[in-house]
PDB file of N, CA and C in Angstrom:
ATOM      1  N   MET A   1      83.829  26.314 116.542  1.00  0.00           N
ATOM      2  CA  MET A   1      84.445  27.750 116.264  1.00  0.00           C
ATOM      3  C   MET A   1      83.665  28.567 115.859  1.00  0.00           C
ATOM      4  N   ASN A   2      83.084  29.948 116.343  1.00  0.00           N
ATOM      5  CA  ASN A   2      82.267  30.886 115.815  1.00  0.00           C
ATOM      6  C   ASN A   2      83.539  32.003 114.814  1.00  0.00           C
ATOM      7  N   GLU A   3      82.720  32.837 114.178  1.00  0.00           N
ATOM      8  CA  GLU A   3      83.673  33.392 112.929  1.00  0.00           C
ATOM      9  C   GLU A   3      83.610  34.641 113.949  1.00  0.00           C
ATOM     10  N   ALA A   4      84.807  35.067 114.443  1.00  0.00           N
ATOM     11  CA  ALA A   4      84.596  36.755 114.849  1.00  0.00           C
ATOM     12  C   ALA A   4      83.963  37.435 114.325  1.00  0.00           C
ATOM     13  N   THR A   5      83.358  38.827 115.216  1.00  0.00           N
ATOM     14  CA  THR A   5      82.646  39.683 114.683  1.00  0.00           C
ATOM     15  C   THR A   5      83.283  40.722 113.798  1.00  0.00           C
ATOM     16  N   THR A   6      82.664  41.745 112.811  1.00  0.00           N
ATOM     17  CA  THR A   6      83.307  42.458 112.163  1.00  0.00           C
ATOM     18  C   THR A   6      84.178  43.685 113.225  1.00  0.00           C
ATOM     19  N   LYS A   7      83.593  43.629 114.441  1.00  0.00           N
ATOM     20  CA  LYS A   7      84.263  44.567 115.033  1.00  0.00           C
ATOM     21  C   LYS A   7      85.511  43.902 115.831  1.00  0.00           C
ATOM     22  N   GLN A   8      85.243  42.805 116.491  1.00  0.00           N
ATOM     23  CA  GLN A   8      86.764  41.882 116.992  1.00  0.00           C
ATOM     24  C   GLN A   8      87.646  41.801 115.653  1.00  0.00           C
ATOM     25  N   LYS A   9      87.238  41.850 114.747  1.00  0.00           N
ATOM     26  CA  LYS A   9      88.097  41.617 113.468  1.00  0.00           C
ATOM     27  C   LYS A   9      89.123  42.875 112.929  1.00  0.00           C
ATOM     28  N   ILE A  10      88.239  44.032 113.389  1.00  0.00           N
ATOM     29  CA  ILE A  10      89.173  45.274 113.583  1.00  0.00           C
ATOM     30  C   ILE A  10      89.815  45.287 114.762  1.00  0.00           C
ATOM     31  N   ILE A  11      89.410  44.729 115.885  1.00  0.00           N
ATOM     32  CA  ILE A  11      90.107  44.965 117.150  1.00  0.00           C
ATOM     33  C   ILE A  11      91.395  44.426 117.402  1.00  0.00           C
ATOM     34  N   ASN A  12      91.441  42.998 116.387  1.00  0.00           N
ATOM     35  CA  ASN A  12      92.335  42.157 116.546  1.00  0.00           C
ATOM     36  C   ASN A  12      93.307  42.961 115.583  1.00  0.00           C
ATOM     37  N   ALA A  13      92.841  43.320 114.299  1.00  0.00           N
ATOM     38  CA  ALA A  13      94.120  43.725 113.488  1.00  0.00           C
ATOM     39  C   ALA A  13      94.954  44.999 113.587  1.00  0.00           C
ATOM     40  N   ILE A  14      94.224  45.987 114.398  1.00  0.00           N
ATOM     41  CA  ILE A  14      94.542  47.036 115.065  1.00  0.00           C
ATOM     42  C   ILE A  14      95.432  46.593 116.722  1.00  0.00           C
ATOM     43  N   ASN A  15      95.186  45.669 117.027  1.00  0.00           N
ATOM     44  CA  ASN A  15      96.389  45.139 117.882  1.00  0.00           C
ATOM     45  C   ASN A  15      97.735  44.697 117.381  1.00  0.00           C
ATOM     46  N   GLU A  16      97.287  43.979 115.812  1.00  0.00           N
ATOM     47  CA  GLU A  16      98.556  43.219 115.660  1.00  0.00           C
ATOM     48  C   GLU A  16      99.941  44.535 115.232  1.00  0.00           C
ATOM     49  N   LEU A  17      98.639  45.836 115.266  1.00  0.00           N
ATOM     50  CA  LEU A  17      99.937  46.906 114.058  1.00  0.00           C
ATOM     51  C   LEU A  17     100.719  47.193 115.466  1.00  0.00           C
ATOM     52  N   PRO A  18     102.046  47.619 114.719  1.00  0.00           N
ATOM     53  CA  PRO A  18     102.810  47.971 115.537  1.00  0.00           C
ATOM     54  C   PRO A  18     102.617  49.603 116.350  1.00  0.00           C
ATOM     55  N   ASP A  19     103.381  49.335 117.450  1.00  0.00           N
ATOM     56  CA  ASP A  19     102.927  50.897 118.345  1.00  0.00           C
ATOM     57  C   ASP A  19     102.956  51.980 117.798  1.00  0.00           C
ATOM     58  N   LYS A  20     104.410  51.999 116.839  1.00  0.00           N
ATOM     59  CA  LYS A  20     104.768  53.410 116.379  1.00  0.00           C
ATOM     60  C   LYS A  20     103.979  53.239 114.639  1.00  0.00           C
ATOM     61  N   ILE A  21     102.907  53.470 114.476  1.00  0.00           N
ATOM     62  CA  ILE A  21     102.622  53.500 113.157  1.00  0.00           C
ATOM     63  C   ILE A  21     101.788  54.775 112.915  1.00  0.00           C
ATOM     64  N   LYS A  22     101.590  55.345 111.369  1.00  0.00           N
ATOM     65  CA  LYS A  22     101.058  56.511 111.088  1.00  0.00           C
ATOM     66  C   LYS A  22      99.092  55.981 110.898  1.00  0.00           C
ATOM     67  N   VAL A  23      98.350  56.984 111.294  1.00  0.00           N
ATOM     68  CA  VAL A  23      96.812  56.582 110.888  1.00  0.00           C
ATOM     69  C   VAL A  23      96.620  56.282 109.797  1.00  0.00           C
ATOM     70  N   GLU A  24      97.509  56.602 108.873  1.00  0.00           N
ATOM     71  CA  GLU A  24      97.190  56.724 106.995  1.00  0.00           C
ATOM     72  C   GLU A  24      97.536  55.266 106.889  1.00  0.00           C
ATOM     73  N   ASP A  25      98.596  54.354 107.408  1.00  0.00           N
ATOM     74  CA  ASP A  25      99.095  53.098 107.474  1.00  0.00           C
ATOM     75  C   ASP A  25      98.140  52.339 108.023  1.00  0.00           C
ATOM     76  N   ALA A  26      97.552  52.250 109.538  1.00  0.00           N
ATOM     77  CA  ALA A  26      96.575  51.745 109.871  1.00  0.00           C
ATOM     78  C   ALA A  26      95.015  51.359 109.271  1.00  0.00           C
ATOM     79  N   ILE A  27      94.733  52.951 108.499  1.00  0.00           N
ATOM     80  CA  ILE A  27      93.528  52.658 107.488  1.00  0.00           C
ATOM     81  C   ILE A  27      93.868  51.882 106.647  1.00  0.00           C
ATOM     82  N   GLU A  28      94.902  51.844 106.011  1.00  0.00           N
ATOM     83  CA  GLU A  28      95.274  51.185 105.027  1.00  0.00           C
ATOM     84  C   GLU A  28      95.235  49.759 104.980  1.00  0.00           C
ATOM     85  N   LYS A  29      95.819  49.094 106.148  1.00  0.00           N
ATOM     86  CA  LYS A  29      95.668  47.732 106.638  1.00  0.00           C
ATOM     87  C   LYS A  29      94.031  47.737 106.846  1.00  0.00           C
ATOM     88  N   LEU A  30      93.066  48.165 107.382  1.00  0.00           N
ATOM     89  CA  LEU A  30      91.507  47.981 107.760  1.00  0.00           C
ATOM     90  C   LEU A  30      90.928  48.003 105.968  1.00  0.00           C
ATOM     91  N   TYR A  31      91.220  48.606 105.157  1.00  0.00           N
ATOM     92  CA  TYR A  31      90.912  48.523 104.381  1.00  0.00           C
ATOM     93  C   TYR A  31      91.256  47.340 103.531  1.00  0.00           C
ATOM     94  N   LEU A  32      92.427  46.908 103.318  1.00  0.00           N
ATOM     95  CA  LEU A  32      93.033  45.634 102.990  1.00  0.00           C
ATOM     96  C   LEU A  32      92.274  44.835 103.301  1.00  0.00           C
ATOM     97  N   LEU A  33      91.912  44.530 104.497  1.00  0.00           N
ATOM     98  CA  LEU A  33      91.173  43.435 105.427  1.00  0.00           C
ATOM     99  C   LEU A  33      89.485  43.716 104.800  1.00  0.00           C
ATOM    100  N   TYR A  34      89.037  44.533 104.546  1.00  0.00           N
ATOM    101  CA  TYR A  34      87.866  44.885 103.944  1.00  0.00           C
ATOM    102  C   TYR A  34      87.621  44.279 102.568  1.00  0.00           C
ATOM    103  N   LYS A  35      88.867  44.765 101.881  1.00  0.00           N
ATOM    104  CA  LYS A  35      88.678  43.948 100.154  1.00  0.00           C
ATOM    105  C   LYS A  35      88.591  42.450 100.241  1.00  0.00           C
ATOM    106  N   ILE A  36      89.627  41.823 101.258  1.00  0.00           N
ATOM    107  CA  ILE A  36      89.713  40.367 101.568  1.00  0.00           C
ATOM    108  C   ILE A  36      88.545  40.204 101.735  1.00  0.00           C
ATOM    109  N   GLU A  37      88.020  40.299 102.733  1.00  0.00           N
ATOM    110  CA  GLU A  37      86.292  40.112 103.201  1.00  0.00           C
ATOM    111  C   GLU A  37      85.591  40.403 101.903  1.00  0.00           C
ATOM    112  N   LYS A  38      85.454  41.175 101.158  1.00  0.00           N
ATOM    113  CA  LYS A  38      84.449  41.468  99.929  1.00  0.00           C
ATOM    114  C   LYS A  38      85.052  40.282  99.201  1.00  0.00           C
ATOM    115  N   GLY A  39      85.808  40.177  98.652  1.00  0.00           N
ATOM    116  CA  GLY A  39      86.370  39.189  97.829  1.00  0.00           C
ATOM    117  C   GLY A  39      85.784  37.821  98.447  1.00  0.00           C
ATOM    118  N   ILE A  40      86.273  37.165  99.555  1.00  0.00           N
ATOM    119  CA  ILE A  40      85.758  35.813 100.010  1.00  0.00           C
ATOM    120  C   ILE A  40      83.963  35.895  99.860  1.00  0.00           C
ATOM    121  N   GLU A  41      83.293  36.824 100.225  1.00  0.00           N
ATOM    122  CA  GLU A  41      81.853  37.025 100.255  1.00  0.00           C
ATOM    123  C   GLU A  41      81.710  36.963  98.455  1.00  0.00           C
ATOM    124  N   GLN A  42      82.288  37.412  97.807  1.00  0.00           N
ATOM    125  CA  GLN A  42      82.003  37.305  96.458  1.00  0.00           C
ATOM    126  C   GLN A  42      82.534  35.444  95.860  1.00  0.00           C
ATOM    127  N   GLU A  43      83.263  35.018  96.504  1.00  0.00           N
ATOM    128  CA  GLU A  43      84.005  33.870  95.948  1.00  0.00           C
ATOM    129  C   GLU A  43      82.556  32.959  96.542  1.00  0.00           C
ATOM    130  N   LYS A  44      82.149  32.859  97.827  1.00  0.00           N
ATOM    131  CA  LYS A  44      81.171  32.267  98.042  1.00  0.00           C
ATOM    132  C   LYS A  44      79.746  32.063  97.263  1.00  0.00           C
ATOM    133  N   LYS A  45      79.184  33.374  96.767  1.00  0.00           N
ATOM    134  CA  LYS A  45      78.168  33.169  95.665  1.00  0.00           C
ATOM    135  C   LYS A  45      78.446  33.068  94.782  1.00  0.00           C
ATOM    136  N   GLY A  46      79.740  32.919  94.243  1.00  0.00           N
ATOM    137  CA  GLY A  46      80.382  32.201  93.411  1.00  0.00           C
ATOM    138  C   GLY A  46      80.355  33.631  91.936  1.00  0.00           C
ATOM    139  N   LYS A  47      80.555  34.476  92.491  1.00  0.00           N
ATOM    140  CA  LYS A  47      81.012  35.708  91.541  1.00  0.00           C
ATOM    141  C   LYS A  47      82.257  35.956  91.114  1.00  0.00           C
ATOM    142  N   THR A  48      82.764  34.925  90.900  1.00  0.00           N
ATOM    143  CA  THR A  48      84.504  35.265  90.265  1.00  0.00           C
ATOM    144  C   THR A  48      84.423  34.758  89.005  1.00  0.00           C
ATOM    145  N   LEU A  49      85.511  34.760  88.473  1.00  0.00           N
ATOM    146  CA  LEU A  49      86.392  35.046  87.386  1.00  0.00           C
ATOM    147  C   LEU A  49      87.435  33.403  87.309  1.00  0.00           C
ATOM    148  N   SER A  50      87.607  32.978  86.341  1.00  0.00           N
ATOM    149  CA  SER A  50      88.016  31.785  85.990  1.00  0.00           C
ATOM    150  C   SER A  50      89.418  32.311  85.821  1.00  0.00           C
ATOM    151  N   HIS A  51      90.737  31.698  85.831  1.00  0.00           N
ATOM    152  CA  HIS A  51      91.856  32.160  85.446  1.00  0.00           C
ATOM    153  C   HIS A  51      92.606  32.436  83.800  1.00  0.00           C
ATOM    154  N   GLY A  52      91.268  31.760  83.159  1.00  0.00           N
ATOM    155  CA  GLY A  52      91.532  32.092  81.477  1.00  0.00           C
ATOM    156  C   GLY A  52      90.797  33.247  81.607  1.00  0.00           C
ATOM    157  N   THR A  53      89.609  33.885  81.857  1.00  0.00           N
ATOM    158  CA  THR A  53      89.211  34.546  81.512  1.00  0.00           C
ATOM    159  C   THR A  53      89.927  35.731  82.115  1.00  0.00           C
ATOM    160  N   VAL A  54      90.322  36.008  83.114  1.00  0.00           N
ATOM    161  CA  VAL A  54      91.319  36.853  83.786  1.00  0.00           C
ATOM    162  C   VAL A  54      92.354  37.138  82.767  1.00  0.00           C
ATOM    163  N   LYS A  55      93.345  36.095  82.027  1.00  0.00           N
ATOM    164  CA  LYS A  55      94.172  36.379  81.458  1.00  0.00           C
ATOM    165  C   LYS A  55      93.851  37.214  79.988  1.00  0.00           C
ATOM    166  N   GLU A  56      92.839  36.565  79.675  1.00  0.00           N
ATOM    167  CA  GLU A  56      92.129  37.437  78.213  1.00  0.00           C
ATOM    168  C   GLU A  56      91.521  39.130  78.558  1.00  0.00           C
ATOM    169  N   LYS A  57      91.348  38.869  79.748  1.00  0.00           N
ATOM    170  CA  LYS A  57      90.801  40.504  80.142  1.00  0.00           C
ATOM    171  C   LYS A  57      91.939  41.531  79.965  1.00  0.00           C
ATOM    172  N   MET A  58      92.899  40.808  80.745  1.00  0.00           N
ATOM    173  CA  MET A  58      94.378  41.413  80.995  1.00  0.00           C
ATOM    174  C   MET A  58      95.000  41.586  79.839  1.00  0.00           C
ATOM    175  N   ASN A  59      95.262  40.807  78.943  1.00  0.00           N
ATOM    176  CA  ASN A  59      95.574  41.014  77.295  1.00  0.00           C
ATOM    177  C   ASN A  59      95.239  42.002  76.675  1.00  0.00           C
ATOM    178  N   LYS A  60      93.715  41.866  76.867  1.00  0.00           N
ATOM    179  CA  LYS A  60      93.011  43.269  76.092  1.00  0.00           C
ATOM    180  C   LYS A  60      93.401  44.542  77.018  1.00  0.00           C
ATOM    181  N   TRP A  61      93.311  44.466  78.070  1.00  0.00           N
ATOM    182  CA  TRP A  61      93.966  46.010  78.515  1.00  0.00           C
ATOM    183  C   TRP A  61      95.126  46.336  78.416  1.00  0.00           C
ATOM    184  N   LEU A  62      96.155  45.543  78.024  1.00  0.00           N
ATOM    185  CA  LEU A  62      97.647  45.423  77.839  1.00  0.00           C
ATOM    186  C   LEU A  62      97.889  46.175  76.184  1.00  0.00           C
ATOM    187  N   GLU A  63      96.828  45.320  75.550  1.00  0.00           N
ATOM    188  CA  GLU A  63      97.189  45.938  73.744  1.00  0.00           C
ATOM    189  C   GLU A  63      97.232  47.170  73.553  1.00  0.00           C
TER     190      GLU A  63
END
């Protein structure tokens, strides 16, 4: 099975939206999909942090 193109992913996401939706909400949905794709690409490249590292960083921010 071939992976959908970016254009096809956008079309699919728009088709899944309700008929009555604000443009702002549609843009937020597309931006969320962009961020998810970006995260998946980072994971494929090994650019991730361990759970422990994230907890340490969060603790420093919350102090």
